[in-house]
ModelCIF file with pLDDT and N, C-alpha, C, O atoms, coordinates in Angstrom:
data_MODEL
#
_entry.id   MODEL 
#
_entity.id                         1 
_entity.type                       polymer 
_entity.pdbx_number_of_molecules   1 
#
_entity_poly.entity_id                      1 
_entity_poly.type                           'polypeptide(L)' 
_entity_poly.nstd_linkage                   no 
_entity_poly.nstd_monomer                   no 
_entity_poly.pdbx_seq_one_letter_code       EHEENPSQQLVESILNTTRIHRLQPASTHALESDSIEMTFLGMILP 
_entity_poly.pdbx_seq_one_letter_code_can   EHEENPSQQLVESILNTTRIHRLQPASTHALESDSIEMTFLGMILP 
_entity_poly.pdbx_strand_id                 A 
#
loop_
_entity_poly_seq.entity_id 
_entity_poly_seq.num 
_entity_poly_seq.mon_id 
_entity_poly_seq.hetero 
1 1  GLU n 
1 2  HIS n 
1 3  GLU n 
1 4  GLU n 
1 5  ASN n 
1 6  PRO n 
1 7  SER n 
1 8  GLN n 
1 9  GLN n 
1 10 LEU n 
1 11 VAL n 
1 12 GLU n 
1 13 SER n 
1 14 ILE n 
1 15 LEU n 
1 16 ASN n 
1 17 THR n 
1 18 THR n 
1 19 ARG n 
1 20 ILE n 
1 21 HIS n 
1 22 ARG n 
1 23 LEU n 
1 24 GLN n 
1 25 PRO n 
1 26 ALA n 
1 27 SER n 
1 28 THR n 
1 29 HIS n 
1 30 ALA n 
1 31 LEU n 
1 32 GLU n 
1 33 SER n 
1 34 ASP n 
1 35 SER n 
1 36 ILE n 
1 37 GLU n 
1 38 MET n 
1 39 THR n 
1 40 PHE n 
1 41 LEU n 
1 42 GLY n 
1 43 MET n 
1 44 ILE n 
1 45 LEU n 
1 46 PRO n 
#
_struct_asym.id          A 
_struct_asym.entity_id   1 
#
loop_
_ma_qa_metric.id 
_ma_qa_metric.mode 
_ma_qa_metric.name 
_ma_qa_metric.software_group_id 
_ma_qa_metric.type 
1 global pLDDT . pLDDT 
2 local  pLDDT . pLDDT 
#
_ma_qa_metric_global.metric_id      1 
_ma_qa_metric_global.metric_value   85.54 
_ma_qa_metric_global.model_id       1 
_ma_qa_metric_global.ordinal_id     1 
#
loop_
_ma_qa_metric_local.label_asym_id 
_ma_qa_metric_local.label_comp_id 
_ma_qa_metric_local.label_seq_id 
_ma_qa_metric_local.metric_id 
_ma_qa_metric_local.metric_value 
_ma_qa_metric_local.model_id 
_ma_qa_metric_local.ordinal_id 
A GLU 1  2 93.00 1 1  
A HIS 2  2 94.00 1 2  
A GLU 3  2 95.00 1 3  
A GLU 4  2 96.00 1 4  
A ASN 5  2 98.00 1 5  
A PRO 6  2 98.00 1 6  
A SER 7  2 98.00 1 7  
A GLN 8  2 98.00 1 8  
A GLN 9  2 98.00 1 9  
A LEU 10 2 98.00 1 10 
A VAL 11 2 98.00 1 11 
A GLU 12 2 98.00 1 12 
A SER 13 2 97.00 1 13 
A ILE 14 2 97.00 1 14 
A LEU 15 2 98.00 1 15 
A ASN 16 2 97.00 1 16 
A THR 17 2 98.00 1 17 
A THR 18 2 97.00 1 18 
A ARG 19 2 95.00 1 19 
A ILE 20 2 93.00 1 20 
A HIS 21 2 92.00 1 21 
A ARG 22 2 89.00 1 22 
A LEU 23 2 84.00 1 23 
A GLN 24 2 68.00 1 24 
A PRO 25 2 60.00 1 25 
A ALA 26 2 53.00 1 26 
A SER 27 2 49.00 1 27 
A THR 28 2 45.00 1 28 
A HIS 29 2 43.00 1 29 
A ALA 30 2 46.00 1 30 
A LEU 31 2 38.00 1 31 
A GLU 32 2 44.00 1 32 
A SER 33 2 51.00 1 33 
A ASP 34 2 79.00 1 34 
A SER 35 2 90.00 1 35 
A ILE 36 2 93.00 1 36 
A GLU 37 2 96.00 1 37 
A MET 38 2 97.00 1 38 
A THR 39 2 98.00 1 39 
A PHE 40 2 98.00 1 40 
A LEU 41 2 98.00 1 41 
A GLY 42 2 98.00 1 42 
A MET 43 2 98.00 1 43 
A ILE 44 2 98.00 1 44 
A LEU 45 2 98.00 1 45 
A PRO 46 2 98.00 1 46 
#
loop_
_atom_site.group_PDB 
_atom_site.id 
_atom_site.type_symbol 
_atom_site.label_atom_id 
_atom_site.label_alt_id 
_atom_site.label_comp_id 
_atom_site.label_asym_id 
_atom_site.label_entity_id 
_atom_site.label_seq_id 
_atom_site.pdbx_PDB_ins_code 
_atom_site.Cartn_x 
_atom_site.Cartn_y 
_atom_site.Cartn_z 
_atom_site.occupancy 
_atom_site.B_iso_or_equiv 
_atom_site.pdbx_formal_charge 
_atom_site.auth_seq_id 
_atom_site.auth_comp_id 
_atom_site.auth_asym_id 
_atom_site.auth_atom_id 
_atom_site.pdbx_PDB_model_num 
ATOM 1   N N  . GLU A 1 1  ? -10.546 22.005  -12.577 1.00 93.00 ? 1  GLU A N  1 
ATOM 2   C CA . GLU A 1 1  ? -11.784 21.574  -13.226 1.00 93.00 ? 1  GLU A CA 1 
ATOM 3   C C  . GLU A 1 1  ? -12.149 20.125  -12.899 1.00 93.00 ? 1  GLU A C  1 
ATOM 4   O O  . GLU A 1 1  ? -13.122 19.597  -13.436 1.00 93.00 ? 1  GLU A O  1 
ATOM 5   N N  . HIS A 1 2  ? -11.382 19.486  -12.032 1.00 94.00 ? 2  HIS A N  1 
ATOM 6   C CA . HIS A 1 2  ? -11.632 18.084  -11.709 1.00 94.00 ? 2  HIS A CA 1 
ATOM 7   C C  . HIS A 1 2  ? -12.704 17.951  -10.632 1.00 94.00 ? 2  HIS A C  1 
ATOM 8   O O  . HIS A 1 2  ? -12.571 18.510  -9.543  1.00 94.00 ? 2  HIS A O  1 
ATOM 9   N N  . GLU A 1 3  ? -13.756 17.216  -10.938 1.00 95.00 ? 3  GLU A N  1 
ATOM 10  C CA . GLU A 1 3  ? -14.803 16.969  -9.954  1.00 95.00 ? 3  GLU A CA 1 
ATOM 11  C C  . GLU A 1 3  ? -14.393 15.870  -8.983  1.00 95.00 ? 3  GLU A C  1 
ATOM 12  O O  . GLU A 1 3  ? -14.900 15.808  -7.863  1.00 95.00 ? 3  GLU A O  1 
ATOM 13  N N  . GLU A 1 4  ? -13.480 15.008  -9.405  1.00 96.00 ? 4  GLU A N  1 
ATOM 14  C CA . GLU A 1 4  ? -12.943 13.958  -8.550  1.00 96.00 ? 4  GLU A CA 1 
ATOM 15  C C  . GLU A 1 4  ? -11.427 13.951  -8.695  1.00 96.00 ? 4  GLU A C  1 
ATOM 16  O O  . GLU A 1 4  ? -10.879 14.422  -9.691  1.00 96.00 ? 4  GLU A O  1 
ATOM 17  N N  . ASN A 1 5  ? -10.764 13.406  -7.681  1.00 98.00 ? 5  ASN A N  1 
ATOM 18  C CA . ASN A 1 5  ? -9.313  13.286  -7.746  1.00 98.00 ? 5  ASN A CA 1 
ATOM 19  C C  . ASN A 1 5  ? -8.956  11.814  -7.527  1.00 98.00 ? 5  ASN A C  1 
ATOM 20  O O  . ASN A 1 5  ? -9.211  11.269  -6.454  1.00 98.00 ? 5  ASN A O  1 
ATOM 21  N N  . PRO A 1 6  ? -8.367  11.170  -8.537  1.00 98.00 ? 6  PRO A N  1 
ATOM 22  C CA . PRO A 1 6  ? -8.010  9.762   -8.401  1.00 98.00 ? 6  PRO A CA 1 
ATOM 23  C C  . PRO A 1 6  ? -7.095  9.478   -7.208  1.00 98.00 ? 6  PRO A C  1 
ATOM 24  O O  . PRO A 1 6  ? -7.148  8.395   -6.625  1.00 98.00 ? 6  PRO A O  1 
ATOM 25  N N  . SER A 1 7  ? -6.259  10.451  -6.847  1.00 98.00 ? 7  SER A N  1 
ATOM 26  C CA . SER A 1 7  ? -5.365  10.228  -5.709  1.00 98.00 ? 7  SER A CA 1 
ATOM 27  C C  . SER A 1 7  ? -6.163  10.077  -4.417  1.00 98.00 ? 7  SER A C  1 
ATOM 28  O O  . SER A 1 7  ? -5.801  9.288   -3.545  1.00 98.00 ? 7  SER A O  1 
ATOM 29  N N  . GLN A 1 8  ? -7.253  10.838  -4.299  1.00 98.00 ? 8  GLN A N  1 
ATOM 30  C CA . GLN A 1 8  ? -8.115  10.703  -3.127  1.00 98.00 ? 8  GLN A CA 1 
ATOM 31  C C  . GLN A 1 8  ? -8.773  9.326   -3.108  1.00 98.00 ? 8  GLN A C  1 
ATOM 32  O O  . GLN A 1 8  ? -8.816  8.666   -2.070  1.00 98.00 ? 8  GLN A O  1 
ATOM 33  N N  . GLN A 1 9  ? -9.280  8.902   -4.252  1.00 98.00 ? 9  GLN A N  1 
ATOM 34  C CA . GLN A 1 9  ? -9.950  7.606   -4.331  1.00 98.00 ? 9  GLN A CA 1 
ATOM 35  C C  . GLN A 1 9  ? -8.984  6.459   -4.026  1.00 98.00 ? 9  GLN A C  1 
ATOM 36  O O  . GLN A 1 9  ? -9.329  5.520   -3.309  1.00 98.00 ? 9  GLN A O  1 
ATOM 37  N N  . LEU A 1 10 ? -7.781  6.545   -4.575  1.00 98.00 ? 10 LEU A N  1 
ATOM 38  C CA . LEU A 1 10 ? -6.786  5.490   -4.373  1.00 98.00 ? 10 LEU A CA 1 
ATOM 39  C C  . LEU A 1 10 ? -6.356  5.413   -2.915  1.00 98.00 ? 10 LEU A C  1 
ATOM 40  O O  . LEU A 1 10 ? -6.324  4.333   -2.326  1.00 98.00 ? 10 LEU A O  1 
ATOM 41  N N  . VAL A 1 11 ? -6.029  6.554   -2.344  1.00 98.00 ? 11 VAL A N  1 
ATOM 42  C CA . VAL A 1 11 ? -5.539  6.584   -0.962  1.00 98.00 ? 11 VAL A CA 1 
ATOM 43  C C  . VAL A 1 11 ? -6.639  6.184   0.020   1.00 98.00 ? 11 VAL A C  1 
ATOM 44  O O  . VAL A 1 11 ? -6.391  5.431   0.962   1.00 98.00 ? 11 VAL A O  1 
ATOM 45  N N  . GLU A 1 12 ? -7.842  6.683   -0.198  1.00 98.00 ? 12 GLU A N  1 
ATOM 46  C CA . GLU A 1 12 ? -8.941  6.349   0.724   1.00 98.00 ? 12 GLU A CA 1 
ATOM 47  C C  . GLU A 1 12 ? -9.252  4.854   0.723   1.00 98.00 ? 12 GLU A C  1 
ATOM 48  O O  . GLU A 1 12 ? -9.812  4.341   1.692   1.00 98.00 ? 12 GLU A O  1 
ATOM 49  N N  . SER A 1 13 ? -8.900  4.156   -0.340  1.00 97.00 ? 13 SER A N  1 
ATOM 50  C CA . SER A 1 13 ? -9.193  2.723   -0.407  1.00 97.00 ? 13 SER A CA 1 
ATOM 51  C C  . SER A 1 13 ? -8.343  1.909   0.558   1.00 97.00 ? 13 SER A C  1 
ATOM 52  O O  . SER A 1 13 ? -8.686  0.769   0.870   1.00 97.00 ? 13 SER A O  1 
ATOM 53  N N  . ILE A 1 14 ? -7.228  2.482   1.039   1.00 97.00 ? 14 ILE A N  1 
ATOM 54  C CA . ILE A 1 14 ? -6.384  1.726   1.984   1.00 97.00 ? 14 ILE A CA 1 
ATOM 55  C C  . ILE A 1 14 ? -6.065  2.483   3.272   1.00 97.00 ? 14 ILE A C  1 
ATOM 56  O O  . ILE A 1 14 ? -5.402  1.932   4.150   1.00 97.00 ? 14 ILE A O  1 
ATOM 57  N N  . LEU A 1 15 ? -6.522  3.733   3.409   1.00 98.00 ? 15 LEU A N  1 
ATOM 58  C CA . LEU A 1 15 ? -6.285  4.455   4.653   1.00 98.00 ? 15 LEU A CA 1 
ATOM 59  C C  . LEU A 1 15 ? -6.899  3.711   5.836   1.00 98.00 ? 15 LEU A C  1 
ATOM 60  O O  . LEU A 1 15 ? -7.985  3.140   5.741   1.00 98.00 ? 15 LEU A O  1 
ATOM 61  N N  . ASN A 1 16 ? -6.176  3.734   6.949   1.00 97.00 ? 16 ASN A N  1 
ATOM 62  C CA . ASN A 1 16 ? -6.634  3.111   8.189   1.00 97.00 ? 16 ASN A CA 1 
ATOM 63  C C  . ASN A 1 16 ? -6.871  1.608   8.048   1.00 97.00 ? 16 ASN A C  1 
ATOM 64  O O  . ASN A 1 16 ? -7.761  1.037   8.679   1.00 97.00 ? 16 ASN A O  1 
ATOM 65  N N  . THR A 1 17 ? -6.054  0.989   7.207   1.00 98.00 ? 17 THR A N  1 
ATOM 66  C CA . THR A 1 17 ? -6.089  -0.466  7.080   1.00 98.00 ? 17 THR A CA 1 
ATOM 67  C C  . THR A 1 17 ? -4.681  -1.022  7.320   1.00 98.00 ? 17 THR A C  1 
ATOM 68  O O  . THR A 1 17 ? -3.693  -0.290  7.264   1.00 98.00 ? 17 THR A O  1 
ATOM 69  N N  . THR A 1 18 ? -4.612  -2.320  7.586   1.00 97.00 ? 18 THR A N  1 
ATOM 70  C CA . THR A 1 18 ? -3.334  -3.023  7.702   1.00 97.00 ? 18 THR A CA 1 
ATOM 71  C C  . THR A 1 18 ? -3.314  -4.128  6.661   1.00 97.00 ? 18 THR A C  1 
ATOM 72  O O  . THR A 1 18 ? -4.244  -4.929  6.570   1.00 97.00 ? 18 THR A O  1 
ATOM 73  N N  . ARG A 1 19 ? -2.240  -4.164  5.874   1.00 95.00 ? 19 ARG A N  1 
ATOM 74  C CA . ARG A 1 19 ? -2.126  -5.153  4.804   1.00 95.00 ? 19 ARG A CA 1 
ATOM 75  C C  . ARG A 1 19 ? -0.798  -5.888  4.914   1.00 95.00 ? 19 ARG A C  1 
ATOM 76  O O  . ARG A 1 19 ? 0.224   -5.304  5.275   1.00 95.00 ? 19 ARG A O  1 
ATOM 77  N N  . ILE A 1 20 ? -0.828  -7.147  4.605   1.00 93.00 ? 20 ILE A N  1 
ATOM 78  C CA . ILE A 1 20 ? 0.407   -7.930  4.537   1.00 93.00 ? 20 ILE A CA 1 
ATOM 79  C C  . ILE A 1 20 ? 0.787   -8.058  3.065   1.00 93.00 ? 20 ILE A C  1 
ATOM 80  O O  . ILE A 1 20 ? 0.024   -8.583  2.255   1.00 93.00 ? 20 ILE A O  1 
ATOM 81  N N  . HIS A 1 21 ? 1.965   -7.574  2.740   1.00 92.00 ? 21 HIS A N  1 
ATOM 82  C CA . HIS A 1 21 ? 2.438   -7.620  1.358   1.00 92.00 ? 21 HIS A CA 1 
ATOM 83  C C  . HIS A 1 21 ? 3.679   -8.501  1.288   1.00 92.00 ? 21 HIS A C  1 
ATOM 84  O O  . HIS A 1 21 ? 4.589   -8.377  2.108   1.00 92.00 ? 21 HIS A O  1 
ATOM 85  N N  . ARG A 1 22 ? 3.703   -9.374  0.318   1.00 89.00 ? 22 ARG A N  1 
ATOM 86  C CA . ARG A 1 22 ? 4.839   -10.287 0.165   1.00 89.00 ? 22 ARG A CA 1 
ATOM 87  C C  . ARG A 1 22 ? 5.664   -9.899  -1.061  1.00 89.00 ? 22 ARG A C  1 
ATOM 88  O O  . ARG A 1 22 ? 5.198   -9.966  -2.199  1.00 89.00 ? 22 ARG A O  1 
ATOM 89  N N  . LEU A 1 23 ? 6.893   -9.497  -0.791  1.00 84.00 ? 23 LEU A N  1 
ATOM 90  C CA . LEU A 1 23 ? 7.820   -9.183  -1.866  1.00 84.00 ? 23 LEU A CA 1 
ATOM 91  C C  . LEU A 1 23 ? 8.455   -10.467 -2.364  1.00 84.00 ? 23 LEU A C  1 
ATOM 92  O O  . LEU A 1 23 ? 8.694   -11.395 -1.591  1.00 84.00 ? 23 LEU A O  1 
ATOM 93  N N  . GLN A 1 24 ? 8.725   -10.511 -3.656  1.00 68.00 ? 24 GLN A N  1 
ATOM 94  C CA . GLN A 1 24 ? 9.383   -11.679 -4.210  1.00 68.00 ? 24 GLN A CA 1 
ATOM 95  C C  . GLN A 1 24 ? 10.823  -11.742 -3.725  1.00 68.00 ? 24 GLN A C  1 
ATOM 96  O O  . GLN A 1 24 ? 11.420  -10.700 -3.454  1.00 68.00 ? 24 GLN A O  1 
ATOM 97  N N  . PRO A 1 25 ? 11.391  -12.919 -3.609  1.00 60.00 ? 25 PRO A N  1 
ATOM 98  C CA . PRO A 1 25 ? 12.773  -13.058 -3.143  1.00 60.00 ? 25 PRO A CA 1 
ATOM 99  C C  . PRO A 1 25 ? 13.732  -12.221 -3.969  1.00 60.00 ? 25 PRO A C  1 
ATOM 100 O O  . PRO A 1 25 ? 13.578  -12.093 -5.184  1.00 60.00 ? 25 PRO A O  1 
ATOM 101 N N  . ALA A 1 26 ? 14.735  -11.646 -3.289  1.00 53.00 ? 26 ALA A N  1 
ATOM 102 C CA . ALA A 1 26 ? 15.699  -10.790 -3.978  1.00 53.00 ? 26 ALA A CA 1 
ATOM 103 C C  . ALA A 1 26 ? 16.635  -11.595 -4.864  1.00 53.00 ? 26 ALA A C  1 
ATOM 104 O O  . ALA A 1 26 ? 17.237  -11.047 -5.787  1.00 53.00 ? 26 ALA A O  1 
ATOM 105 N N  . SER A 1 27 ? 16.765  -12.886 -4.593  1.00 49.00 ? 27 SER A N  1 
ATOM 106 C CA . SER A 1 27 ? 17.626  -13.733 -5.411  1.00 49.00 ? 27 SER A CA 1 
ATOM 107 C C  . SER A 1 27 ? 17.027  -15.118 -5.521  1.00 49.00 ? 27 SER A C  1 
ATOM 108 O O  . SER A 1 27 ? 16.125  -15.472 -4.762  1.00 49.00 ? 27 SER A O  1 
ATOM 109 N N  . THR A 1 28 ? 17.514  -15.893 -6.447  1.00 45.00 ? 28 THR A N  1 
ATOM 110 C CA . THR A 1 28 ? 16.997  -17.243 -6.655  1.00 45.00 ? 28 THR A CA 1 
ATOM 111 C C  . THR A 1 28 ? 17.380  -18.170 -5.509  1.00 45.00 ? 28 THR A C  1 
ATOM 112 O O  . THR A 1 28 ? 16.830  -19.265 -5.386  1.00 45.00 ? 28 THR A O  1 
ATOM 113 N N  . HIS A 1 29 ? 18.326  -17.738 -4.664  1.00 43.00 ? 29 HIS A N  1 
ATOM 114 C CA . HIS A 1 29 ? 18.771  -18.561 -3.544  1.00 43.00 ? 29 HIS A CA 1 
ATOM 115 C C  . HIS A 1 29 ? 17.907  -18.365 -2.296  1.00 43.00 ? 29 HIS A C  1 
ATOM 116 O O  . HIS A 1 29 ? 18.000  -19.130 -1.336  1.00 43.00 ? 29 HIS A O  1 
ATOM 117 N N  . ALA A 1 30 ? 17.056  -17.314 -2.326  1.00 46.00 ? 30 ALA A N  1 
ATOM 118 C CA . ALA A 1 30 ? 16.201  -17.075 -1.159  1.00 46.00 ? 30 ALA A CA 1 
ATOM 119 C C  . ALA A 1 30 ? 15.133  -18.165 -1.065  1.00 46.00 ? 30 ALA A C  1 
ATOM 120 O O  . ALA A 1 30 ? 14.603  -18.618 -2.079  1.00 46.00 ? 30 ALA A O  1 
ATOM 121 N N  . LEU A 1 31 ? 14.830  -18.572 0.148   1.00 38.00 ? 31 LEU A N  1 
ATOM 122 C CA . LEU A 1 31 ? 13.884  -19.662 0.342   1.00 38.00 ? 31 LEU A CA 1 
ATOM 123 C C  . LEU A 1 31 ? 12.440  -19.211 0.245   1.00 38.00 ? 31 LEU A C  1 
ATOM 124 O O  . LEU A 1 31 ? 11.577  -19.983 -0.173  1.00 38.00 ? 31 LEU A O  1 
ATOM 125 N N  . GLU A 1 32 ? 12.163  -17.970 0.628   1.00 44.00 ? 32 GLU A N  1 
ATOM 126 C CA . GLU A 1 32 ? 10.790  -17.490 0.602   1.00 44.00 ? 32 GLU A CA 1 
ATOM 127 C C  . GLU A 1 32 ? 10.773  -15.977 0.452   1.00 44.00 ? 32 GLU A C  1 
ATOM 128 O O  . GLU A 1 32 ? 11.791  -15.305 0.618   1.00 44.00 ? 32 GLU A O  1 
ATOM 129 N N  . SER A 1 33 ? 9.596   -15.460 0.135   1.00 51.00 ? 33 SER A N  1 
ATOM 130 C CA . SER A 1 33 ? 9.470   -14.020 -0.050  1.00 51.00 ? 33 SER A CA 1 
ATOM 131 C C  . SER A 1 33 ? 9.460   -13.303 1.288   1.00 51.00 ? 33 SER A C  1 
ATOM 132 O O  . SER A 1 33 ? 9.187   -13.911 2.323   1.00 51.00 ? 33 SER A O  1 
ATOM 133 N N  . ASP A 1 34 ? 9.762   -11.999 1.266   1.00 79.00 ? 34 ASP A N  1 
ATOM 134 C CA . ASP A 1 34 ? 9.707   -11.187 2.468   1.00 79.00 ? 34 ASP A CA 1 
ATOM 135 C C  . ASP A 1 34 ? 8.267   -10.745 2.704   1.00 79.00 ? 34 ASP A C  1 
ATOM 136 O O  . ASP A 1 34 ? 7.618   -10.217 1.802   1.00 79.00 ? 34 ASP A O  1 
ATOM 137 N N  . SER A 1 35 ? 7.773   -10.963 3.914   1.00 90.00 ? 35 SER A N  1 
ATOM 138 C CA . SER A 1 35 ? 6.413   -10.578 4.267   1.00 90.00 ? 35 SER A CA 1 
ATOM 139 C C  . SER A 1 35 ? 6.466   -9.321  5.131   1.00 90.00 ? 35 SER A C  1 
ATOM 140 O O  . SER A 1 35 ? 7.138   -9.283  6.162   1.00 90.00 ? 35 SER A O  1 
ATOM 141 N N  . ILE A 1 36 ? 5.745   -8.299  4.690   1.00 93.00 ? 36 ILE A N  1 
ATOM 142 C CA . ILE A 1 36 ? 5.760   -7.028  5.400   1.00 93.00 ? 36 ILE A CA 1 
ATOM 143 C C  . ILE A 1 36 ? 4.330   -6.627  5.761   1.00 93.00 ? 36 ILE A C  1 
ATOM 144 O O  . ILE A 1 36 ? 3.458   -6.542  4.897   1.00 93.00 ? 36 ILE A O  1 
ATOM 145 N N  . GLU A 1 37 ? 4.109   -6.384  7.039   1.00 96.00 ? 37 GLU A N  1 
ATOM 146 C CA . GLU A 1 37 ? 2.806   -5.953  7.523   1.00 96.00 ? 37 GLU A CA 1 
ATOM 147 C C  . GLU A 1 37 ? 2.797   -4.428  7.607   1.00 96.00 ? 37 GLU A C  1 
ATOM 148 O O  . GLU A 1 37 ? 3.507   -3.839  8.423   1.00 96.00 ? 37 GLU A O  1 
ATOM 149 N N  . MET A 1 38 ? 1.989   -3.798  6.759   1.00 97.00 ? 38 MET A N  1 
ATOM 150 C CA . MET A 1 38 ? 1.977   -2.337  6.665   1.00 97.00 ? 38 MET A CA 1 
ATOM 151 C C  . MET A 1 38 ? 0.643   -1.770  7.138   1.00 97.00 ? 38 MET A C  1 
ATOM 152 O O  . MET A 1 38 ? -0.426  -2.184  6.688   1.00 97.00 ? 38 MET A O  1 
ATOM 153 N N  . THR A 1 39 ? 0.735   -0.820  8.050   1.00 98.00 ? 39 THR A N  1 
ATOM 154 C CA . THR A 1 39 ? -0.445  -0.081  8.499   1.00 98.00 ? 39 THR A CA 1 
ATOM 155 C C  . THR A 1 39 ? -0.416  1.293   7.862   1.00 98.00 ? 39 THR A C  1 
ATOM 156 O O  . THR A 1 39 ? 0.572   2.020   7.964   1.00 98.00 ? 39 THR A O  1 
ATOM 157 N N  . PHE A 1 40 ? -1.513  1.643   7.201   1.00 98.00 ? 40 PHE A N  1 
ATOM 158 C CA . PHE A 1 40 ? -1.575  2.898   6.458   1.00 98.00 ? 40 PHE A CA 1 
ATOM 159 C C  . PHE A 1 40 ? -2.375  3.947   7.234   1.00 98.00 ? 40 PHE A C  1 
ATOM 160 O O  . PHE A 1 40 ? -3.587  3.824   7.410   1.00 98.00 ? 40 PHE A O  1 
ATOM 161 N N  . LEU A 1 41 ? -1.673  4.968   7.686   1.00 98.00 ? 41 LEU A N  1 
ATOM 162 C CA . LEU A 1 41 ? -2.301  6.127   8.299   1.00 98.00 ? 41 LEU A CA 1 
ATOM 163 C C  . LEU A 1 41 ? -2.127  7.309   7.356   1.00 98.00 ? 41 LEU A C  1 
ATOM 164 O O  . LEU A 1 41 ? -1.304  7.259   6.441   1.00 98.00 ? 41 LEU A O  1 
ATOM 165 N N  . GLY A 1 42 ? -2.894  8.367   7.572   1.00 98.00 ? 42 GLY A N  1 
ATOM 166 C CA . GLY A 1 42 ? -2.730  9.531   6.713   1.00 98.00 ? 42 GLY A CA 1 
ATOM 167 C C  . GLY A 1 42 ? -3.996  10.344  6.594   1.00 98.00 ? 42 GLY A C  1 
ATOM 168 O O  . GLY A 1 42 ? -4.863  10.308  7.467   1.00 98.00 ? 42 GLY A O  1 
ATOM 169 N N  . MET A 1 43 ? -4.093  11.086  5.490   1.00 98.00 ? 43 MET A N  1 
ATOM 170 C CA . MET A 1 43 ? -5.239  11.965  5.303   1.00 98.00 ? 43 MET A CA 1 
ATOM 171 C C  . MET A 1 43 ? -5.324  12.423  3.853   1.00 98.00 ? 43 MET A C  1 
ATOM 172 O O  . MET A 1 43 ? -4.392  12.246  3.069   1.00 98.00 ? 43 MET A O  1 
ATOM 173 N N  . ILE A 1 44 ? -6.456  13.010  3.521   1.00 98.00 ? 44 ILE A N  1 
ATOM 174 C CA . ILE A 1 44 ? -6.638  13.657  2.226   1.00 98.00 ? 44 ILE A CA 1 
ATOM 175 C C  . ILE A 1 44 ? -6.389  15.145  2.420   1.00 98.00 ? 44 ILE A C  1 
ATOM 176 O O  . ILE A 1 44 ? -7.038  15.790  3.245   1.00 98.00 ? 44 ILE A O  1 
ATOM 177 N N  . LEU A 1 45 ? -5.457  15.680  1.665   1.00 98.00 ? 45 LEU A N  1 
ATOM 178 C CA . LEU A 1 45 ? -5.015  17.057  1.864   1.00 98.00 ? 45 LEU A CA 1 
ATOM 179 C C  . LEU A 1 45 ? -5.784  18.044  1.000   1.00 98.00 ? 45 LEU A C  1 
ATOM 180 O O  . LEU A 1 45 ? -6.115  17.736  -0.145  1.00 98.00 ? 45 LEU A O  1 
ATOM 181 N N  . PRO A 1 46 ? -6.074  19.229  1.532   1.00 98.00 ? 46 PRO A N  1 
ATOM 182 C CA . PRO A 1 46 ? -6.595  20.294  0.686   1.00 98.00 ? 46 PRO A CA 1 
ATOM 183 C C  . PRO A 1 46 ? -5.497  20.785  -0.256  1.00 98.00 ? 46 PRO A C  1 
ATOM 184 O O  . PRO A 1 46 ? -5.731  21.688  -1.059  1.00 98.00 ? 46 PRO A O  1 
#
């Protein structure tokens, strides 16, 4: 009965994009956060 699917809206907002995400340091001794460049590929499934 759903006219829209939030999963489609959420996924489509980043499909075919590249984002740099910075994770916080795993410990207080780390000098800087880990930077990860993620490319999102995929599709909306029936």
